[in-house]
Amino acid sequence: MAINYRKLLPTDAPQYRAIRLEALKLFPESFGSDYESEAAKPKLHMEISIEQQTTDTFLMGAFDGEKLFGICGFTRDLRPKVHHRGLIIQMYIHPAYQGKKQGLQLLQATIAETFKIPEVDQIVLGAITHNISAIKTYERAGFKEFGIHPNYLKIGDKYYDEKLMVLFRN
């Protein structure tokens, strides 16, 4: 298995779309977006970011050869008072690759790419509290809990809490 991690390029956009929709379909309680709404869009928000190749918003991919099996995004607010921090988004590893430390390695590659941006001092993320394997991965990468957002998601009549986590540059 020839695994590599890199920023997604415009030519990766179709594979990105497929894996993002797969993530939303298989794990609806793990993401704020929903499959039906996203699948109906001609282009996903991050597809546009992939095409534009900006520093402040990017997606990293985990590849097995040429096959994209994992994604992890980063975005940051451009307002001056909060420009020192960013957010990990859309973390997903295809089920066939889960439990093999691929998520941790992809996250570490995303962190390394993020901290190449000199102004970024901290990275935040959120994980649904029952997603223990994701939380353990984030902790292994150095993230620390700083709060719980109760009832963050509502799917049907069920609510899901979100654990908020942060990683500082030093």
N, C-alpha and C. Protein backbone atom coordinates (compact mmCIF):
# COMPACT_ATOMS: atom_id res chain seq x y z
N MET A 1 0.86 -1.18 0.00
CA MET A 1 0.00 0.00 0.00
C MET A 1 0.90 1.23 0.00
N ALA A 2 0.85 2.03 -1.07
CA ALA A 2 1.65 3.25 -1.21
C ALA A 2 0.80 4.44 -0.79
N ILE A 3 0.82 4.75 0.50
CA ILE A 3 0.00 5.83 1.06
C ILE A 3 0.79 7.13 1.03
N ASN A 4 0.13 8.21 0.59
CA ASN A 4 0.74 9.53 0.69
C ASN A 4 -0.34 10.56 1.04
N TYR A 5 0.12 11.68 1.57
CA TYR A 5 -0.76 12.74 2.05
C TYR A 5 -0.32 14.03 1.39
N ARG A 6 -1.27 14.75 0.80
CA ARG A 6 -0.94 16.00 0.13
C ARG A 6 -2.19 16.85 0.00
N LYS A 7 -1.94 18.14 -0.33
CA LYS A 7 -3.04 19.04 -0.61
C LYS A 7 -3.78 18.56 -1.86
N LEU A 8 -5.08 18.69 -1.83
CA LEU A 8 -5.85 18.34 -3.03
C LEU A 8 -5.65 19.40 -4.10
N LEU A 9 -5.56 18.95 -5.32
CA LEU A 9 -5.36 19.80 -6.49
C LEU A 9 -6.68 19.89 -7.27
N PRO A 10 -6.81 20.85 -8.15
CA PRO A 10 -8.05 20.95 -8.93
C PRO A 10 -8.44 19.65 -9.63
N THR A 11 -7.46 18.88 -10.07
CA THR A 11 -7.77 17.61 -10.74
C THR A 11 -8.34 16.57 -9.77
N ASP A 12 -8.21 16.80 -8.46
CA ASP A 12 -8.75 15.88 -7.46
C ASP A 12 -10.21 16.18 -7.10
N ALA A 13 -10.75 17.27 -7.62
CA ALA A 13 -12.09 17.71 -7.23
C ALA A 13 -13.16 16.63 -7.41
N PRO A 14 -13.20 15.88 -8.51
CA PRO A 14 -14.23 14.84 -8.63
C PRO A 14 -14.12 13.75 -7.56
N GLN A 15 -12.89 13.33 -7.24
CA GLN A 15 -12.72 12.33 -6.18
C GLN A 15 -13.11 12.91 -4.82
N TYR A 16 -12.78 14.20 -4.61
CA TYR A 16 -13.18 14.85 -3.37
C TYR A 16 -14.70 14.83 -3.23
N ARG A 17 -15.40 15.23 -4.26
CA ARG A 17 -16.87 15.27 -4.20
C ARG A 17 -17.43 13.90 -3.82
N ALA A 18 -16.92 12.87 -4.46
CA ALA A 18 -17.41 11.51 -4.21
C ALA A 18 -17.18 11.10 -2.75
N ILE A 19 -15.99 11.35 -2.22
CA ILE A 19 -15.71 10.91 -0.85
C ILE A 19 -16.43 11.79 0.18
N ARG A 20 -16.60 13.06 -0.12
CA ARG A 20 -17.34 13.94 0.80
C ARG A 20 -18.80 13.50 0.88
N LEU A 21 -19.42 13.21 -0.24
CA LEU A 21 -20.81 12.75 -0.22
C LEU A 21 -20.93 11.39 0.46
N GLU A 22 -19.95 10.53 0.25
CA GLU A 22 -19.92 9.23 0.93
C GLU A 22 -19.90 9.43 2.45
N ALA A 23 -19.06 10.33 2.93
CA ALA A 23 -18.95 10.60 4.36
C ALA A 23 -20.29 11.07 4.93
N LEU A 24 -20.94 11.98 4.22
CA LEU A 24 -22.23 12.51 4.69
C LEU A 24 -23.31 11.43 4.70
N LYS A 25 -23.26 10.53 3.74
CA LYS A 25 -24.25 9.46 3.65
C LYS A 25 -24.03 8.39 4.72
N LEU A 26 -22.77 8.00 4.92
CA LEU A 26 -22.47 6.92 5.87
C LEU A 26 -22.49 7.38 7.33
N PHE A 27 -22.11 8.63 7.58
CA PHE A 27 -21.98 9.12 8.95
C PHE A 27 -22.68 10.47 9.13
N PRO A 28 -24.01 10.50 8.96
CA PRO A 28 -24.74 11.77 9.00
C PRO A 28 -24.63 12.50 10.34
N GLU A 29 -24.43 11.75 11.42
CA GLU A 29 -24.35 12.38 12.74
C GLU A 29 -22.97 12.98 13.03
N SER A 30 -22.04 12.85 12.12
CA SER A 30 -20.69 13.37 12.34
C SER A 30 -20.42 14.71 11.66
N PHE A 31 -21.36 15.19 10.88
CA PHE A 31 -21.13 16.40 10.09
C PHE A 31 -22.33 17.33 10.17
N GLY A 32 -22.06 18.63 10.09
CA GLY A 32 -23.13 19.62 10.11
C GLY A 32 -23.91 19.67 8.81
N SER A 33 -23.30 19.29 7.72
CA SER A 33 -23.99 19.25 6.42
C SER A 33 -24.72 17.93 6.27
N ASP A 34 -25.70 17.91 5.37
CA ASP A 34 -26.41 16.65 5.14
C ASP A 34 -26.27 16.23 3.68
N TYR A 35 -26.36 14.93 3.46
CA TYR A 35 -26.13 14.34 2.15
C TYR A 35 -27.06 14.93 1.09
N GLU A 36 -28.36 14.96 1.36
CA GLU A 36 -29.34 15.37 0.36
C GLU A 36 -29.08 16.80 -0.14
N SER A 37 -28.84 17.72 0.79
CA SER A 37 -28.60 19.11 0.41
C SER A 37 -27.32 19.26 -0.39
N GLU A 38 -26.28 18.58 0.05
CA GLU A 38 -24.98 18.70 -0.61
C GLU A 38 -24.98 18.03 -1.98
N ALA A 39 -25.61 16.85 -2.08
CA ALA A 39 -25.64 16.13 -3.35
C ALA A 39 -26.37 16.92 -4.43
N ALA A 40 -27.31 17.77 -4.03
CA ALA A 40 -28.08 18.56 -4.99
C ALA A 40 -27.30 19.74 -5.55
N LYS A 41 -26.20 20.10 -4.92
CA LYS A 41 -25.42 21.26 -5.37
C LYS A 41 -24.56 20.89 -6.59
N PRO A 42 -24.47 21.81 -7.55
CA PRO A 42 -23.59 21.52 -8.70
C PRO A 42 -22.11 21.46 -8.29
N LYS A 43 -21.73 22.27 -7.29
CA LYS A 43 -20.37 22.24 -6.74
C LYS A 43 -20.45 22.42 -5.23
N LEU A 44 -19.71 21.60 -4.52
CA LEU A 44 -19.62 21.75 -3.07
C LEU A 44 -18.73 22.96 -2.76
N HIS A 45 -18.95 23.54 -1.59
CA HIS A 45 -18.18 24.72 -1.18
C HIS A 45 -16.67 24.47 -1.27
N MET A 46 -16.24 23.33 -0.77
CA MET A 46 -14.80 23.06 -0.77
C MET A 46 -14.28 22.67 -2.15
N GLU A 47 -15.14 22.25 -3.06
CA GLU A 47 -14.69 22.03 -4.44
C GLU A 47 -14.17 23.34 -5.02
N ILE A 48 -14.87 24.42 -4.73
CA ILE A 48 -14.45 25.74 -5.20
C ILE A 48 -13.10 26.11 -4.58
N SER A 49 -12.93 25.82 -3.28
CA SER A 49 -11.66 26.10 -2.61
C SER A 49 -10.52 25.28 -3.22
N ILE A 50 -10.80 24.04 -3.56
CA ILE A 50 -9.79 23.19 -4.19
C ILE A 50 -9.36 23.82 -5.52
N GLU A 51 -10.32 24.29 -6.28
CA GLU A 51 -10.01 24.90 -7.57
C GLU A 51 -9.23 26.21 -7.41
N GLN A 52 -9.54 26.98 -6.35
CA GLN A 52 -8.89 28.28 -6.16
C GLN A 52 -7.51 28.17 -5.52
N GLN A 53 -7.23 27.07 -4.81
CA GLN A 53 -5.92 26.83 -4.20
C GLN A 53 -5.46 28.00 -3.33
N THR A 54 -6.26 28.36 -2.33
CA THR A 54 -5.86 29.44 -1.42
C THR A 54 -5.10 28.87 -0.22
N THR A 55 -4.36 29.72 0.44
CA THR A 55 -3.61 29.33 1.63
C THR A 55 -4.53 29.19 2.83
N ASP A 56 -5.54 30.04 2.91
CA ASP A 56 -6.39 30.10 4.10
C ASP A 56 -7.47 29.04 4.17
N THR A 57 -7.75 28.37 3.09
CA THR A 57 -8.72 27.27 3.06
C THR A 57 -8.17 26.21 2.11
N PHE A 58 -7.97 25.01 2.65
CA PHE A 58 -7.44 23.94 1.81
C PHE A 58 -7.91 22.59 2.33
N LEU A 59 -7.78 21.59 1.51
CA LEU A 59 -8.07 20.21 1.87
C LEU A 59 -6.85 19.37 1.63
N MET A 60 -6.56 18.53 2.62
CA MET A 60 -5.51 17.53 2.46
C MET A 60 -6.20 16.22 2.11
N GLY A 61 -5.50 15.39 1.38
CA GLY A 61 -6.04 14.09 1.02
C GLY A 61 -5.09 12.98 1.40
N ALA A 62 -5.67 11.83 1.73
CA ALA A 62 -4.91 10.60 1.96
C ALA A 62 -5.15 9.74 0.72
N PHE A 63 -4.07 9.34 0.08
CA PHE A 63 -4.16 8.59 -1.16
C PHE A 63 -3.49 7.23 -1.01
N ASP A 64 -4.15 6.23 -1.55
CA ASP A 64 -3.58 4.90 -1.71
C ASP A 64 -3.30 4.79 -3.20
N GLY A 65 -2.07 5.04 -3.59
CA GLY A 65 -1.77 5.19 -5.01
C GLY A 65 -2.45 6.46 -5.50
N GLU A 66 -3.36 6.31 -6.45
CA GLU A 66 -4.11 7.46 -6.98
C GLU A 66 -5.50 7.59 -6.34
N LYS A 67 -5.88 6.62 -5.50
CA LYS A 67 -7.23 6.60 -4.92
C LYS A 67 -7.29 7.44 -3.65
N LEU A 68 -8.17 8.43 -3.64
CA LEU A 68 -8.40 9.27 -2.47
C LEU A 68 -9.28 8.49 -1.48
N PHE A 69 -8.77 8.26 -0.27
CA PHE A 69 -9.55 7.53 0.72
C PHE A 69 -9.79 8.33 2.00
N GLY A 70 -9.21 9.51 2.09
CA GLY A 70 -9.42 10.32 3.28
C GLY A 70 -9.27 11.79 2.98
N ILE A 71 -9.99 12.61 3.73
CA ILE A 71 -9.91 14.06 3.58
C ILE A 71 -9.85 14.73 4.94
N CYS A 72 -9.21 15.87 4.97
CA CYS A 72 -9.16 16.70 6.18
C CYS A 72 -8.94 18.13 5.71
N GLY A 73 -9.85 19.01 6.09
CA GLY A 73 -9.78 20.38 5.62
C GLY A 73 -9.35 21.35 6.70
N PHE A 74 -8.93 22.51 6.26
CA PHE A 74 -8.58 23.62 7.14
C PHE A 74 -9.16 24.89 6.55
N THR A 75 -9.69 25.73 7.41
CA THR A 75 -10.17 27.04 6.99
C THR A 75 -9.96 28.02 8.12
N ARG A 76 -9.78 29.28 7.75
CA ARG A 76 -9.66 30.28 8.80
C ARG A 76 -10.41 31.54 8.41
N ASP A 77 -10.85 32.20 9.43
CA ASP A 77 -11.58 33.44 9.30
C ASP A 77 -10.61 34.53 8.90
N LEU A 78 -11.01 35.41 8.03
CA LEU A 78 -10.12 36.47 7.55
C LEU A 78 -10.24 37.76 8.36
N ARG A 79 -11.15 37.79 9.33
CA ARG A 79 -11.26 38.98 10.18
C ARG A 79 -9.99 39.12 11.02
N PRO A 80 -9.45 40.33 11.13
CA PRO A 80 -8.15 40.53 11.80
C PRO A 80 -8.06 40.00 13.23
N LYS A 81 -9.09 40.12 14.02
CA LYS A 81 -9.01 39.72 15.43
C LYS A 81 -8.99 38.20 15.63
N VAL A 82 -9.41 37.45 14.63
CA VAL A 82 -9.43 35.99 14.75
C VAL A 82 -8.61 35.31 13.65
N HIS A 83 -7.80 36.07 12.98
CA HIS A 83 -7.00 35.55 11.87
C HIS A 83 -5.85 34.65 12.35
N HIS A 84 -5.61 34.61 13.64
CA HIS A 84 -4.53 33.80 14.23
C HIS A 84 -4.94 32.35 14.47
N ARG A 85 -6.20 32.02 14.18
CA ARG A 85 -6.66 30.66 14.42
C ARG A 85 -7.43 30.13 13.22
N GLY A 86 -7.52 28.84 13.17
CA GLY A 86 -8.25 28.20 12.08
C GLY A 86 -9.00 26.99 12.59
N LEU A 87 -9.71 26.35 11.69
CA LEU A 87 -10.62 25.27 12.03
C LEU A 87 -10.38 24.06 11.15
N ILE A 88 -10.26 22.90 11.77
CA ILE A 88 -10.21 21.63 11.04
C ILE A 88 -11.64 21.27 10.68
N ILE A 89 -11.85 20.93 9.41
CA ILE A 89 -13.20 20.58 8.94
C ILE A 89 -13.15 19.32 8.09
N GLN A 90 -14.29 18.67 7.99
CA GLN A 90 -14.51 17.56 7.06
C GLN A 90 -13.54 16.40 7.20
N MET A 91 -13.12 16.09 8.41
CA MET A 91 -12.21 14.96 8.62
C MET A 91 -12.97 13.66 8.35
N TYR A 92 -12.41 12.84 7.46
CA TYR A 92 -13.07 11.57 7.12
C TYR A 92 -12.05 10.61 6.53
N ILE A 93 -12.15 9.36 6.97
CA ILE A 93 -11.36 8.26 6.42
C ILE A 93 -12.34 7.16 5.99
N HIS A 94 -12.20 6.68 4.78
CA HIS A 94 -13.06 5.59 4.28
C HIS A 94 -12.99 4.42 5.26
N PRO A 95 -14.11 3.75 5.52
CA PRO A 95 -14.13 2.66 6.50
C PRO A 95 -13.07 1.58 6.29
N ALA A 96 -12.72 1.27 5.06
CA ALA A 96 -11.71 0.23 4.81
C ALA A 96 -10.33 0.61 5.34
N TYR A 97 -10.10 1.91 5.60
CA TYR A 97 -8.80 2.39 6.06
C TYR A 97 -8.84 2.83 7.53
N GLN A 98 -10.00 2.75 8.14
CA GLN A 98 -10.11 3.15 9.55
C GLN A 98 -9.44 2.12 10.45
N GLY A 99 -8.97 2.58 11.61
CA GLY A 99 -8.32 1.70 12.56
C GLY A 99 -6.89 1.36 12.21
N LYS A 100 -6.31 2.05 11.24
CA LYS A 100 -4.94 1.77 10.78
C LYS A 100 -4.04 3.00 10.91
N LYS A 101 -4.45 3.95 11.74
CA LYS A 101 -3.70 5.18 12.00
C LYS A 101 -3.63 6.12 10.80
N GLN A 102 -4.41 5.84 9.75
CA GLN A 102 -4.41 6.72 8.58
C GLN A 102 -5.01 8.08 8.91
N GLY A 103 -6.05 8.09 9.77
CA GLY A 103 -6.65 9.36 10.17
C GLY A 103 -5.67 10.23 10.93
N LEU A 104 -4.91 9.63 11.83
CA LEU A 104 -3.91 10.38 12.60
C LEU A 104 -2.84 10.95 11.66
N GLN A 105 -2.37 10.14 10.74
CA GLN A 105 -1.33 10.61 9.83
C GLN A 105 -1.84 11.72 8.92
N LEU A 106 -3.08 11.60 8.46
CA LEU A 106 -3.68 12.66 7.64
C LEU A 106 -3.85 13.93 8.46
N LEU A 107 -4.31 13.79 9.70
CA LEU A 107 -4.47 14.95 10.58
C LEU A 107 -3.12 15.61 10.84
N GLN A 108 -2.10 14.82 11.10
CA GLN A 108 -0.76 15.37 11.33
C GLN A 108 -0.23 16.11 10.10
N ALA A 109 -0.52 15.58 8.92
CA ALA A 109 -0.11 16.26 7.69
C ALA A 109 -0.85 17.59 7.54
N THR A 110 -2.12 17.60 7.93
CA THR A 110 -2.92 18.83 7.85
C THR A 110 -2.41 19.86 8.86
N ILE A 111 -2.08 19.41 10.06
CA ILE A 111 -1.52 20.31 11.08
C ILE A 111 -0.20 20.91 10.59
N ALA A 112 0.66 20.07 10.03
CA ALA A 112 1.95 20.56 9.52
C ALA A 112 1.75 21.60 8.42
N GLU A 113 0.83 21.34 7.53
CA GLU A 113 0.54 22.30 6.45
C GLU A 113 -0.04 23.58 7.01
N THR A 114 -0.91 23.47 8.00
CA THR A 114 -1.53 24.64 8.63
C THR A 114 -0.47 25.52 9.30
N PHE A 115 0.43 24.91 10.05
CA PHE A 115 1.42 25.69 10.78
C PHE A 115 2.54 26.24 9.88
N LYS A 116 2.47 25.97 8.58
CA LYS A 116 3.34 26.66 7.63
C LYS A 116 2.87 28.11 7.45
N ILE A 117 1.63 28.37 7.83
CA ILE A 117 1.08 29.73 7.76
C ILE A 117 1.56 30.46 9.01
N PRO A 118 2.46 31.42 8.89
CA PRO A 118 3.10 32.03 10.06
C PRO A 118 2.13 32.64 11.07
N GLU A 119 1.03 33.20 10.60
CA GLU A 119 0.10 33.89 11.51
C GLU A 119 -0.78 32.95 12.32
N VAL A 120 -0.85 31.69 11.96
CA VAL A 120 -1.73 30.75 12.66
C VAL A 120 -1.06 30.24 13.93
N ASP A 121 -1.69 30.53 15.07
CA ASP A 121 -1.19 30.12 16.38
C ASP A 121 -1.96 28.95 16.97
N GLN A 122 -3.19 28.76 16.51
CA GLN A 122 -4.01 27.70 17.09
C GLN A 122 -4.99 27.14 16.06
N ILE A 123 -5.32 25.88 16.28
CA ILE A 123 -6.29 25.17 15.43
C ILE A 123 -7.38 24.63 16.35
N VAL A 124 -8.62 24.84 15.97
CA VAL A 124 -9.75 24.30 16.74
C VAL A 124 -10.49 23.29 15.87
N LEU A 125 -11.23 22.43 16.55
CA LEU A 125 -12.09 21.47 15.86
C LEU A 125 -13.19 21.04 16.80
N GLY A 126 -14.18 20.40 16.23
CA GLY A 126 -15.27 19.84 17.02
C GLY A 126 -15.53 18.41 16.60
N ALA A 127 -15.91 17.59 17.57
CA ALA A 127 -16.25 16.19 17.29
C ALA A 127 -17.48 15.82 18.11
N ILE A 128 -18.39 15.11 17.48
CA ILE A 128 -19.58 14.65 18.20
C ILE A 128 -19.10 13.76 19.35
N THR A 129 -19.64 13.97 20.54
CA THR A 129 -19.10 13.36 21.75
C THR A 129 -19.11 11.83 21.73
N HIS A 130 -20.01 11.20 21.00
CA HIS A 130 -20.01 9.73 20.99
C HIS A 130 -19.02 9.16 19.97
N ASN A 131 -18.36 10.01 19.20
CA ASN A 131 -17.38 9.55 18.22
C ASN A 131 -16.01 9.40 18.92
N ILE A 132 -15.92 8.39 19.75
CA ILE A 132 -14.76 8.17 20.61
C ILE A 132 -13.48 7.97 19.80
N SER A 133 -13.56 7.23 18.70
CA SER A 133 -12.33 6.98 17.92
C SER A 133 -11.79 8.28 17.33
N ALA A 134 -12.65 9.16 16.86
CA ALA A 134 -12.19 10.46 16.34
C ALA A 134 -11.57 11.28 17.45
N ILE A 135 -12.22 11.32 18.60
CA ILE A 135 -11.71 12.09 19.74
C ILE A 135 -10.33 11.58 20.16
N LYS A 136 -10.16 10.27 20.20
CA LYS A 136 -8.85 9.70 20.56
C LYS A 136 -7.78 10.09 19.53
N THR A 137 -8.16 10.10 18.26
CA THR A 137 -7.22 10.51 17.21
C THR A 137 -6.81 11.97 17.43
N TYR A 138 -7.78 12.82 17.72
CA TYR A 138 -7.47 14.24 17.94
C TYR A 138 -6.58 14.42 19.17
N GLU A 139 -6.86 13.66 20.22
CA GLU A 139 -6.02 13.74 21.42
C GLU A 139 -4.60 13.27 21.13
N ARG A 140 -4.45 12.20 20.36
CA ARG A 140 -3.11 11.71 20.00
C ARG A 140 -2.32 12.75 19.22
N ALA A 141 -3.04 13.58 18.46
CA ALA A 141 -2.38 14.64 17.69
C ALA A 141 -2.09 15.87 18.54
N GLY A 142 -2.52 15.86 19.81
CA GLY A 142 -2.21 16.96 20.71
C GLY A 142 -3.36 17.90 21.04
N PHE A 143 -4.53 17.67 20.48
CA PHE A 143 -5.68 18.53 20.77
C PHE A 143 -6.18 18.29 22.20
N LYS A 144 -6.63 19.38 22.84
CA LYS A 144 -7.16 19.34 24.20
C LYS A 144 -8.59 19.88 24.20
N GLU A 145 -9.43 19.27 25.00
CA GLU A 145 -10.82 19.72 25.12
C GLU A 145 -10.88 21.09 25.81
N PHE A 146 -11.76 21.96 25.30
CA PHE A 146 -11.99 23.23 25.98
C PHE A 146 -13.47 23.50 26.20
N GLY A 147 -14.32 22.54 25.85
CA GLY A 147 -15.74 22.74 26.13
C GLY A 147 -16.62 21.75 25.39
N ILE A 148 -17.89 21.80 25.75
CA ILE A 148 -18.91 20.99 25.11
C ILE A 148 -20.00 21.93 24.60
N HIS A 149 -20.40 21.72 23.37
CA HIS A 149 -21.52 22.46 22.80
C HIS A 149 -22.73 21.53 22.85
N PRO A 150 -23.63 21.72 23.83
CA PRO A 150 -24.78 20.83 23.94
C PRO A 150 -25.73 20.99 22.75
N ASN A 151 -26.34 19.88 22.36
CA ASN A 151 -27.34 19.88 21.29
C ASN A 151 -26.83 20.56 20.01
N TYR A 152 -25.59 20.34 19.67
CA TYR A 152 -24.97 20.97 18.51
C TYR A 152 -25.68 20.59 17.21
N LEU A 153 -25.95 19.30 17.04
CA LEU A 153 -26.68 18.82 15.87
C LEU A 153 -28.04 18.30 16.29
N LYS A 154 -28.99 18.42 15.39
CA LYS A 154 -30.30 17.79 15.60
C LYS A 154 -30.66 17.06 14.31
N ILE A 155 -30.81 15.76 14.44
CA ILE A 155 -31.19 14.92 13.30
C ILE A 155 -32.49 14.24 13.69
N GLY A 156 -33.56 14.59 13.01
CA GLY A 156 -34.87 14.11 13.43
C GLY A 156 -35.18 14.69 14.80
N ASP A 157 -35.46 13.81 15.75
CA ASP A 157 -35.74 14.25 17.11
C ASP A 157 -34.55 14.05 18.05
N LYS A 158 -33.42 13.64 17.52
CA LYS A 158 -32.26 13.33 18.35
C LYS A 158 -31.22 14.44 18.29
N TYR A 159 -30.69 14.80 19.45
CA TYR A 159 -29.65 15.81 19.56
C TYR A 159 -28.29 15.15 19.77
N TYR A 160 -27.25 15.83 19.30
CA TYR A 160 -25.88 15.35 19.46
C TYR A 160 -25.04 16.51 20.01
N ASP A 161 -24.27 16.22 21.07
CA ASP A 161 -23.36 17.21 21.64
C ASP A 161 -22.04 17.18 20.89
N GLU A 162 -21.35 18.32 20.89
CA GLU A 162 -20.06 18.43 20.23
C GLU A 162 -18.98 18.76 21.26
N LYS A 163 -17.88 18.01 21.21
CA LYS A 163 -16.70 18.31 22.03
C LYS A 163 -15.83 19.27 21.24
N LEU A 164 -15.47 20.39 21.87
CA LEU A 164 -14.63 21.40 21.24
C LEU A 164 -13.20 21.19 21.72
N MET A 165 -12.27 21.22 20.76
CA MET A 165 -10.87 20.93 21.07
C MET A 165 -9.97 21.95 20.39
N VAL A 166 -8.79 22.16 20.99
CA VAL A 166 -7.85 23.15 20.45
C VAL A 166 -6.42 22.59 20.51
N LEU A 167 -5.62 23.02 19.55
CA LEU A 167 -4.20 22.71 19.50
C LEU A 167 -3.46 24.02 19.27
N PHE A 168 -2.50 24.32 20.14
CA PHE A 168 -1.69 25.54 19.99
C PHE A 168 -0.39 25.20 19.30
N ARG A 169 0.15 26.15 18.60
CA ARG A 169 1.40 25.95 17.85
C ARG A 169 2.50 25.41 18.76
N ASN A 170 2.68 25.97 19.94
CA ASN A 170 3.77 25.53 20.81
C ASN A 170 3.26 24.50 21.77
